[in-house]
Amino acid sequence: MSTAEVHRQITADEIAHTFEEGEPLTADLSPYAAEDWLALAIFWIMALCVFLQFFTRYALNDSYAWTEEIATYCLIAVVFIGSAMCVRLSRHIQVDLLFRYLPRRPARVLSTAIDAIRIAFFAYAIKLVWVFIGVIGDERMTTIKFEKKWVYYLVLLGFVLMAVRSIQVALENWRRGYSILERPGAFDGTEG
C-alpha cells in the first residue's frame, strides 16, 4: 500500500461538470487501513456517549455520569489509534523549510535520519506505555469500575501501529529516493 497522496489541480469548470455527469458514484475504500476503521468505530462510540450525556443532562435533567468518562477514554483511543493513520499518510505537522535550501544529498541524509529518529521515538514510547500499564493498569475507572489498563492497551496499540507505519514510510521513502520533506510537491500534486 502506497503512503503517497497525490492531488491533481482541477478547474472550477471541471468541478461544475462533475455534478452534471450521470455516471454512478462508487466509493473507493482501498486507501483505508485497519487503524482507520478502528478509530472510526471508537469515534462513533464516543459520539453516542456524548449524545447520551447531552440528552440525559438537558432533556431528562438527570445525567449519566459514566458517559463522560467513557467519552473521555474513547477520545484518548481515537487520538492514538488515529495517529497511526497520520503517520501512514505523513500528515503530522512537519517543517520542510530547511529542505528548500539544502542540496539534494544532505537533504536525503537528514530525511533518512528523521525517519530513523521517528521509528526510535515510537519504539521508546511503546516501552514507556508498557511500563506505565504495569504500574497503574490495575487501577479502576471512577464510574464504571473497569480496569484502566484496557484504555492504555489501546494507547499501546496506537504506538505499535505508529511504529509499524513509520517503518513502512521509511522503507518507501528509501525505495522512492525522497520523502515528503524533500519534495512536498510530489505528494500534494503541485509538482509536475
Foldseek 3Di string as FASTA:
>chain_A
DALFAADADDDPVVVVVVVVDPDDDDDDPVVDDPLVVVLVVLVVLLVVLVVQQVCCCPVVVHGDPVSVVSNVLSVLLSVLSVVLVCLLNVNDDDDLPVLVPDPLVVSLVVVLVVLVVQLVVLVVVLVVLVVVCVVQQQDADDPPGDGCSVSSVSNSVSSVSNNVSSVVQSVVCVVVVHHCSNPVCSRYNNDD
